[in-house]
Amino acid sequence: MKNVSDNYYVEQSDVFELLALMFRLNNYEYMQSEKHRKKESFNHFIQDSFSLLSDETKKELDCFFHKDSFFGLTFVQLLYQHNKWHDIPSFLSFLAQLEFEEIISAFLTSGYSSPERVEDYTDRQEVFSHIQSSVLPFSEQAKLFYLYFDKENTKQRFLKVVEEINEKIYQPSIKKINAYHEDSIHKLSGMNRKQIYKITNPHFDSFEANEPNKIILAPSYFYYNSSLFSYSSESDIAIYLIGTEIIEQTMDESREEDKVIDLAKALSDRTKIKIIKELNRQPRYGFELAKQLNLSSPTISHHISKLSDLGLITAKRYENKIFYQANQKLIEEALKSMSDMLIQKER
C-alpha cells in the first residue's frame, strides 16, 4: 500500500473490482446515465459480458447486486479487516468458510442502516425488527428476510455467482483491468494534495481536520465515473472505490464547463434540493436524513453520492459517526459559475 499524502493511501484490489464488476453488470442500463467522455468500448464490454450469462445467473446478480440494496458490496470493510481484498482465490476461500452471522451482519449495513446494532443474530425477532426499521424499500426488506431465513443456501448462492463471474468475465480480462489500475495508481501517486482533495474533499470536510485516521483509495475501472464510499467507525478507516474516469477528470483541468453543467443538473433536481435545504437547517447522518425526508436507503444513497461527488454537501465525522452538511460556499460559487458561463457580460 502506497502512502500518497498524510493519511491517504492508494492500493489496487482485484477483489473490490470483481464486486464492482458484478454491480455494474446488473445495473449497467441504470448507470448509463453517466456522461462526460465517450465510452463505447466500455459499454460494449459490459453488454457483451452480460449477454454471456444465463438467466439464472442474471437473477442471482439481481438478488445480491440490486441497485436498491447492493448486498454484495457490503463486504468491503470486512474483507479489509481480514486482509482478503487483494487475492481473489484467498477471498473465495475466506467466503466459503465465513460464518453466516458475519454475512448477514454485512448485509444489514446496506445503505444508510440504523445506528442500532443486532446483538443476537440467532434471535429471529430481533433481526426481523432491525430489517423492518431499515430504510430499504419493502421489496429489498422482504428479500433480506428470505436470505436470512434461508441461510443454508444464501452463502452457497452468493459464492457460486461470484465464482462464475470471476471465471467467465473477470479472469479473461484481468490483464487489461490491472493495466487501468496501474495507470490510475500512477496518476494518484503523482497528484498534489489539492488534487487528492478534489476526489475526497467533496465527501469529507478536510479543512476541519475531522478526516478518518486512514483513507484508502482503490481505483475501479468498473465504477468508471462513480465512486463507492465505505466507512468503519470501529477502525476509523474510510475506503473509496474511485472510478478511473474520476481520476482522469481530476487530472484534466480544462473541463470546467462539464462540471458547471453537472452542478446545474444537481441544483435543478427536486430531491437533491430537498436534501440540501434539510442539511442547511442542520447536519444529519444518512439514516436520519432518509427518515426525515421519507426516502428509501438507495434513493438517499444515490443522491448523497452525487451531491458529495460535486462537493455540494460534505461529510463531517463526530464521535465516529458520519454527518452530512450543505457546502454553502460551493453552492454560491456554483450559481456564480453558471451565471458567468451563460451571461456574456459587457466589457
Protein backbone atom coordinates (compact mmCIF):
# COMPACT_ATOMS: atom_id res chain seq x y z
CA MET A 1 0.00 0.00 0.00
CA LYS A 2 1.49 3.32 -1.08
CA ASN A 3 1.23 6.42 1.06
CA VAL A 4 0.46 9.38 -1.22
CA SER A 5 -0.20 12.13 1.32
CA ASP A 6 -0.50 12.18 5.13
CA ASN A 7 -3.25 9.66 5.96
CA TYR A 8 -4.06 8.89 2.30
CA TYR A 9 -3.06 5.57 0.77
CA VAL A 10 -3.58 4.06 -2.65
CA GLU A 11 -3.83 0.36 -3.45
CA GLN A 12 -5.05 -1.95 -6.19
CA SER A 13 -7.71 -4.55 -5.36
CA ASP A 14 -8.89 -7.29 -7.71
CA VAL A 15 -11.45 -8.38 -5.13
CA PHE A 16 -13.13 -4.99 -4.85
CA GLU A 17 -13.02 -4.67 -8.64
CA LEU A 18 -14.68 -8.06 -9.07
CA LEU A 19 -17.54 -6.95 -6.80
CA ALA A 20 -17.74 -3.65 -8.70
CA LEU A 21 -18.00 -5.58 -11.98
CA MET A 22 -20.92 -7.60 -10.64
CA PHE A 23 -22.72 -4.45 -9.56
CA ARG A 24 -22.09 -2.85 -12.96
CA LEU A 25 -23.30 -5.92 -14.87
CA ASN A 26 -26.61 -5.94 -13.03
CA ASN A 27 -27.14 -2.19 -13.25
CA TYR A 28 -25.46 -1.12 -16.47
CA GLU A 29 -28.66 0.27 -18.01
CA TYR A 30 -29.40 2.29 -14.86
CA MET A 31 -25.83 3.55 -14.78
CA GLN A 32 -25.92 4.52 -18.46
CA SER A 33 -26.98 7.99 -17.34
CA GLU A 34 -23.29 8.66 -16.71
CA LYS A 35 -22.00 11.04 -19.27
CA HIS A 36 -18.80 13.00 -19.92
CA ARG A 37 -16.37 11.21 -22.20
CA LYS A 38 -17.27 8.77 -24.94
CA LYS A 39 -17.01 5.25 -23.63
CA GLU A 40 -18.36 2.99 -26.38
CA SER A 41 -15.71 0.31 -25.79
CA PHE A 42 -16.57 0.22 -22.08
CA ASN A 43 -20.30 -0.10 -22.81
CA HIS A 44 -19.70 -2.82 -25.40
CA PHE A 45 -17.60 -4.82 -22.94
CA ILE A 46 -20.33 -4.69 -20.28
CA GLN A 47 -23.12 -5.53 -22.73
CA ASP A 48 -21.16 -8.39 -24.33
CA SER A 49 -20.26 -9.76 -20.90
CA PHE A 50 -23.87 -9.58 -19.72
CA SER A 51 -25.00 -11.50 -22.81
CA LEU A 52 -22.75 -14.42 -21.80
CA LEU A 53 -24.74 -15.01 -18.62
CA SER A 54 -27.60 -17.45 -18.17
CA ASP A 55 -31.00 -16.23 -16.96
CA GLU A 56 -30.36 -17.96 -13.64
CA THR A 57 -27.07 -16.10 -13.17
CA LYS A 58 -28.73 -12.79 -14.05
CA LYS A 59 -31.36 -13.45 -11.37
CA GLU A 60 -28.66 -14.17 -8.80
CA LEU A 61 -26.84 -10.96 -9.73
CA ASP A 62 -30.08 -9.06 -9.26
CA CYS A 63 -30.53 -10.67 -5.87
CA PHE A 64 -27.13 -9.72 -4.46
CA PHE A 65 -26.26 -6.62 -6.51
CA HIS A 66 -29.56 -4.81 -6.93
CA LYS A 67 -29.14 -1.04 -7.07
CA ASP A 68 -31.56 -0.62 -4.16
CA SER A 69 -29.61 -2.81 -1.74
CA PHE A 70 -26.17 -3.79 -3.16
CA PHE A 71 -25.73 -6.55 -0.56
CA GLY A 72 -22.66 -7.90 -2.33
CA LEU A 73 -20.80 -4.63 -1.86
CA THR A 74 -21.30 -4.57 1.91
CA PHE A 75 -18.26 -6.84 2.42
CA VAL A 76 -15.70 -4.10 1.70
CA GLN A 77 -14.77 -3.32 5.32
CA LEU A 78 -14.94 -6.97 6.42
CA LEU A 79 -12.56 -8.01 3.63
CA TYR A 80 -10.16 -5.21 4.50
CA GLN A 81 -10.28 -6.16 8.19
CA HIS A 82 -9.30 -9.76 7.38
CA ASN A 83 -6.83 -8.76 4.63
CA LYS A 84 -8.76 -10.67 1.96
CA TRP A 85 -9.18 -7.83 -0.52
CA HIS A 86 -6.23 -8.45 -2.86
CA ASP A 87 -6.09 -12.07 -3.97
CA ILE A 88 -9.31 -13.49 -5.45
CA PRO A 89 -8.62 -17.19 -4.61
CA SER A 90 -7.97 -16.20 -0.97
CA PHE A 91 -11.17 -14.16 -0.99
CA LEU A 92 -13.21 -17.09 -2.33
CA SER A 93 -11.71 -19.44 0.26
CA PHE A 94 -12.46 -16.91 3.01
CA LEU A 95 -16.04 -16.53 1.78
CA ALA A 96 -16.55 -20.31 1.76
CA GLN A 97 -15.50 -20.52 5.43
CA LEU A 98 -17.29 -17.37 6.59
CA GLU A 99 -19.90 -17.82 9.31
CA PHE A 100 -23.40 -16.91 8.18
CA GLU A 101 -23.77 -14.44 11.07
CA GLU A 102 -20.95 -12.38 9.54
CA ILE A 103 -22.61 -12.48 6.13
CA ILE A 104 -25.99 -11.29 7.41
CA SER A 105 -24.22 -8.71 9.59
CA ALA A 106 -22.64 -7.27 6.43
CA PHE A 107 -25.93 -7.35 4.52
CA LEU A 108 -27.62 -5.41 7.32
CA THR A 109 -25.24 -2.49 6.77
CA SER A 110 -26.61 -1.91 3.27
CA GLY A 111 -27.13 1.77 2.55
CA TYR A 112 -27.69 4.08 5.49
CA SER A 113 -28.60 1.47 8.06
CA SER A 114 -29.99 2.04 11.52
CA PRO A 115 -27.34 3.12 14.05
CA GLU A 116 -28.63 0.35 16.32
CA ARG A 117 -26.81 -2.98 16.07
CA VAL A 118 -28.19 -6.52 16.26
CA GLU A 119 -26.99 -8.15 19.48
CA ASP A 120 -28.01 -11.73 18.68
CA TYR A 121 -28.24 -12.88 15.06
CA THR A 122 -29.90 -16.12 16.13
CA ASP A 123 -32.79 -14.10 17.56
CA ARG A 124 -35.17 -14.03 14.61
CA GLN A 125 -37.45 -11.42 16.13
CA GLU A 126 -34.55 -9.04 16.76
CA VAL A 127 -33.28 -9.45 13.19
CA PHE A 128 -36.83 -9.08 11.84
CA SER A 129 -37.33 -5.83 13.78
CA HIS A 130 -33.96 -4.48 12.63
CA ILE A 131 -34.72 -5.14 8.96
CA GLN A 132 -38.22 -3.72 9.34
CA SER A 133 -36.83 -0.48 10.79
CA SER A 134 -34.34 -0.04 7.95
CA VAL A 135 -34.85 2.40 5.09
CA LEU A 136 -34.53 -0.31 2.46
CA PRO A 137 -37.50 -0.48 0.05
CA PHE A 138 -40.10 -3.05 1.09
CA SER A 139 -39.11 -5.42 -1.75
CA GLU A 140 -35.48 -5.45 -0.56
CA GLN A 141 -36.54 -5.88 3.07
CA ALA A 142 -38.54 -8.93 2.01
CA LYS A 143 -35.53 -10.25 0.10
CA LEU A 144 -33.29 -9.77 3.12
CA PHE A 145 -35.81 -11.62 5.33
CA TYR A 146 -35.67 -14.54 2.91
CA LEU A 147 -31.86 -14.55 2.69
CA TYR A 148 -31.70 -14.61 6.49
CA PHE A 149 -34.18 -17.45 6.93
CA ASP A 150 -32.67 -19.45 4.04
CA LYS A 151 -29.16 -19.30 5.45
CA GLU A 152 -28.27 -22.82 4.32
CA ASN A 153 -28.49 -21.72 0.69
CA THR A 154 -27.71 -17.99 0.86
CA LYS A 155 -23.93 -18.33 1.26
CA GLN A 156 -23.67 -21.01 -1.42
CA ARG A 157 -25.73 -18.95 -3.86
CA PHE A 158 -23.55 -15.89 -3.34
CA LEU A 159 -20.32 -17.87 -3.57
CA LYS A 160 -21.47 -19.59 -6.76
CA VAL A 161 -22.34 -16.40 -8.63
CA VAL A 162 -19.07 -14.71 -7.57
CA GLU A 163 -17.07 -17.73 -8.78
CA GLU A 164 -18.91 -17.76 -12.10
CA ILE A 165 -18.42 -14.06 -12.86
CA ASN A 166 -14.77 -14.32 -11.86
CA GLU A 167 -14.16 -17.31 -14.14
CA LYS A 168 -16.21 -16.20 -17.15
CA ILE A 169 -15.56 -12.46 -17.25
CA TYR A 170 -13.01 -11.14 -14.77
CA GLN A 171 -10.11 -13.55 -15.24
CA PRO A 172 -10.11 -13.41 -19.08
CA SER A 173 -9.82 -9.59 -18.82
CA ILE A 174 -7.62 -9.29 -15.74
CA LYS A 175 -4.51 -8.03 -17.56
CA LYS A 176 -6.46 -5.22 -19.21
CA ILE A 177 -8.18 -4.31 -15.92
CA ASN A 178 -4.90 -4.31 -14.00
CA ALA A 179 -3.36 -2.03 -16.63
CA TYR A 180 -6.10 0.51 -15.90
CA HIS A 181 -5.41 0.11 -12.18
CA GLU A 182 -1.68 0.68 -12.63
CA ASP A 183 -2.27 3.77 -14.75
CA SER A 184 -4.69 5.21 -12.17
CA ILE A 185 -2.34 4.44 -9.27
CA HIS A 186 0.47 6.18 -11.15
CA LYS A 187 -1.74 9.25 -11.62
CA LEU A 188 -2.91 9.25 -7.99
CA SER A 189 0.68 8.90 -6.79
CA GLY A 190 1.66 11.96 -8.80
CA MET A 191 -1.19 14.15 -7.55
CA ASN A 192 -0.61 17.02 -5.18
CA ARG A 193 -2.68 17.47 -2.03
CA LYS A 194 -5.10 19.82 -3.78
CA GLN A 195 -5.87 17.27 -6.49
CA ILE A 196 -6.37 14.47 -3.97
CA TYR A 197 -8.80 16.73 -2.09
CA LYS A 198 -10.76 17.14 -5.32
CA ILE A 199 -11.52 13.43 -5.10
CA THR A 200 -12.09 13.11 -1.35
CA ASN A 201 -12.90 16.59 -0.06
CA PRO A 202 -16.41 16.51 -1.57
CA HIS A 203 -17.04 13.72 0.94
CA PHE A 204 -15.08 14.87 3.99
CA ASP A 205 -14.65 18.41 5.20
CA SER A 206 -10.88 18.05 5.42
CA PHE A 207 -10.18 21.59 6.45
CA GLU A 208 -11.85 20.99 9.80
CA ALA A 209 -9.38 18.18 10.48
CA ASN A 210 -12.07 15.58 11.01
CA GLU A 211 -10.92 13.04 8.46
CA PRO A 212 -10.76 9.35 9.33
CA ASN A 213 -7.48 8.06 10.68
CA LYS A 214 -6.78 6.25 7.40
CA ILE A 215 -8.19 6.82 3.91
CA ILE A 216 -7.63 4.17 1.23
CA LEU A 217 -8.17 4.94 -2.45
CA ALA A 218 -8.69 1.89 -4.69
CA PRO A 219 -9.09 2.63 -8.43
CA SER A 220 -12.03 0.89 -10.09
CA TYR A 221 -12.42 0.50 -13.85
CA PHE A 222 -16.00 -0.72 -13.47
CA TYR A 223 -17.12 2.14 -11.26
CA TYR A 224 -15.90 4.32 -14.14
CA ASN A 225 -17.43 7.74 -13.36
CA SER A 226 -18.87 6.79 -9.96
CA SER A 227 -17.44 6.04 -6.54
CA LEU A 228 -18.18 3.84 -3.55
CA PHE A 229 -17.56 5.14 -0.03
CA SER A 230 -17.28 2.74 2.90
CA TYR A 231 -16.51 3.83 6.46
CA SER A 232 -15.92 1.78 9.60
CA SER A 233 -16.45 3.62 12.87
CA GLU A 234 -14.73 0.78 14.76
CA SER A 235 -11.42 1.12 12.89
CA ASP A 236 -11.90 4.74 11.77
CA ILE A 237 -10.92 3.75 8.23
CA ALA A 238 -12.56 5.03 5.05
CA ILE A 239 -12.28 3.13 1.78
CA TYR A 240 -13.07 4.69 -1.58
CA LEU A 241 -13.53 2.75 -4.79
CA ILE A 242 -12.75 5.56 -7.22
CA GLY A 243 -13.86 5.25 -10.84
CA THR A 244 -10.90 5.57 -13.20
CA GLU A 245 -12.73 8.29 -15.13
CA ILE A 246 -13.00 10.41 -11.98
CA ILE A 247 -9.21 10.24 -11.72
CA GLU A 248 -8.93 11.28 -15.37
CA GLN A 249 -11.28 14.20 -14.80
CA THR A 250 -9.27 15.34 -11.79
CA MET A 251 -6.11 15.40 -13.89
CA ASP A 252 -7.83 17.36 -16.68
CA GLU A 253 -8.17 20.98 -15.57
CA SER A 254 -9.75 22.05 -18.88
CA ARG A 255 -13.17 20.51 -18.24
CA GLU A 256 -14.70 23.23 -16.11
CA GLU A 257 -17.75 23.53 -18.35
CA ASP A 258 -18.67 19.87 -17.79
CA LYS A 259 -18.56 20.43 -14.03
CA VAL A 260 -20.77 23.52 -14.27
CA ILE A 261 -23.31 21.54 -16.30
CA ASP A 262 -23.29 18.77 -13.67
CA LEU A 263 -23.83 21.34 -10.92
CA ALA A 264 -26.74 22.87 -12.84
CA LYS A 265 -28.38 19.45 -13.19
CA ALA A 266 -27.96 18.73 -9.49
CA LEU A 267 -29.40 22.09 -8.46
CA SER A 268 -32.44 21.58 -10.69
CA ASP A 269 -33.34 18.17 -9.22
CA ARG A 270 -36.23 18.35 -6.75
CA THR A 271 -34.98 15.61 -4.41
CA LYS A 272 -31.44 16.98 -4.31
CA ILE A 273 -32.80 20.44 -3.50
CA LYS A 274 -34.83 18.96 -0.61
CA ILE A 275 -31.70 17.28 0.73
CA ILE A 276 -29.66 20.49 0.51
CA LYS A 277 -32.41 22.52 2.19
CA GLU A 278 -32.69 19.99 5.02
CA LEU A 279 -28.91 19.94 5.52
CA ASN A 280 -28.89 23.73 5.58
CA ARG A 281 -31.18 23.55 8.60
CA GLN A 282 -28.89 21.14 10.44
CA PRO A 283 -26.33 18.40 9.71
CA ARG A 284 -27.78 14.88 9.66
CA TYR A 285 -26.48 11.35 9.20
CA GLY A 286 -27.76 9.25 6.30
CA PHE A 287 -30.31 7.11 8.15
CA GLU A 288 -31.77 10.15 9.91
CA LEU A 289 -31.94 12.13 6.64
CA ALA A 290 -33.73 9.28 4.87
CA LYS A 291 -36.30 9.07 7.67
CA GLN A 292 -36.78 12.85 7.77
CA LEU A 293 -37.43 13.12 4.02
CA ASN A 294 -39.28 9.79 3.77
CA LEU A 295 -36.81 8.43 1.23
CA SER A 296 -35.54 4.88 0.84
CA SER A 297 -31.93 3.98 1.62
CA PRO A 298 -30.91 3.55 -2.05
CA THR A 299 -32.57 6.82 -3.03
CA ILE A 300 -30.83 8.83 -0.34
CA SER A 301 -27.57 6.96 -1.01
CA HIS A 302 -27.73 7.78 -4.72
CA HIS A 303 -28.42 11.47 -4.20
CA ILE A 304 -25.87 11.89 -1.39
CA SER A 305 -23.23 10.22 -3.56
CA LYS A 306 -23.89 12.60 -6.46
CA LEU A 307 -24.05 15.68 -4.24
CA SER A 308 -20.86 14.63 -2.45
CA ASP A 309 -19.01 13.99 -5.70
CA LEU A 310 -19.89 17.53 -6.79
CA GLY A 311 -18.94 18.97 -3.42
CA LEU A 312 -22.41 20.42 -2.78
CA ILE A 313 -22.53 18.57 0.52
CA THR A 314 -19.68 17.36 2.71
CA ALA A 315 -19.34 14.76 5.44
CA LYS A 316 -18.36 15.63 8.98
CA ARG A 317 -17.17 13.00 11.44
CA TYR A 318 -18.34 13.42 15.02
CA GLU A 319 -17.79 10.71 17.63
CA ASN A 320 -17.14 8.22 14.80
CA LYS A 321 -20.48 8.94 13.13
CA ILE A 322 -20.72 10.44 9.67
CA PHE A 323 -22.94 13.51 9.42
CA TYR A 324 -23.67 15.40 6.22
CA GLN A 325 -23.91 19.16 5.84
CA ALA A 326 -24.53 21.56 2.96
CA ASN A 327 -21.48 23.24 1.44
CA GLN A 328 -22.92 26.75 1.26
CA LYS A 329 -19.75 28.31 -0.13
CA LEU A 330 -19.57 25.94 -3.08
CA ILE A 331 -23.30 26.33 -3.79
CA GLU A 332 -22.76 30.08 -4.07
CA GLU A 333 -19.73 29.53 -6.31
CA ALA A 334 -21.71 27.09 -8.49
CA LEU A 335 -24.51 29.60 -9.03
CA LYS A 336 -21.95 32.28 -9.93
CA SER A 337 -20.15 29.93 -12.35
CA MET A 338 -23.45 29.14 -14.09
CA SER A 339 -24.17 32.85 -14.38
CA ASP A 340 -20.70 33.60 -15.75
CA MET A 341 -20.96 30.81 -18.30
CA LEU A 342 -24.44 31.73 -19.56
CA ILE A 343 -24.34 35.51 -19.46
CA GLN A 344 -22.00 37.44 -21.74
CA LYS A 345 -21.10 40.48 -19.72
CA GLU A 346 -20.32 43.78 -21.39
CA ARG A 347 -16.70 44.85 -21.24
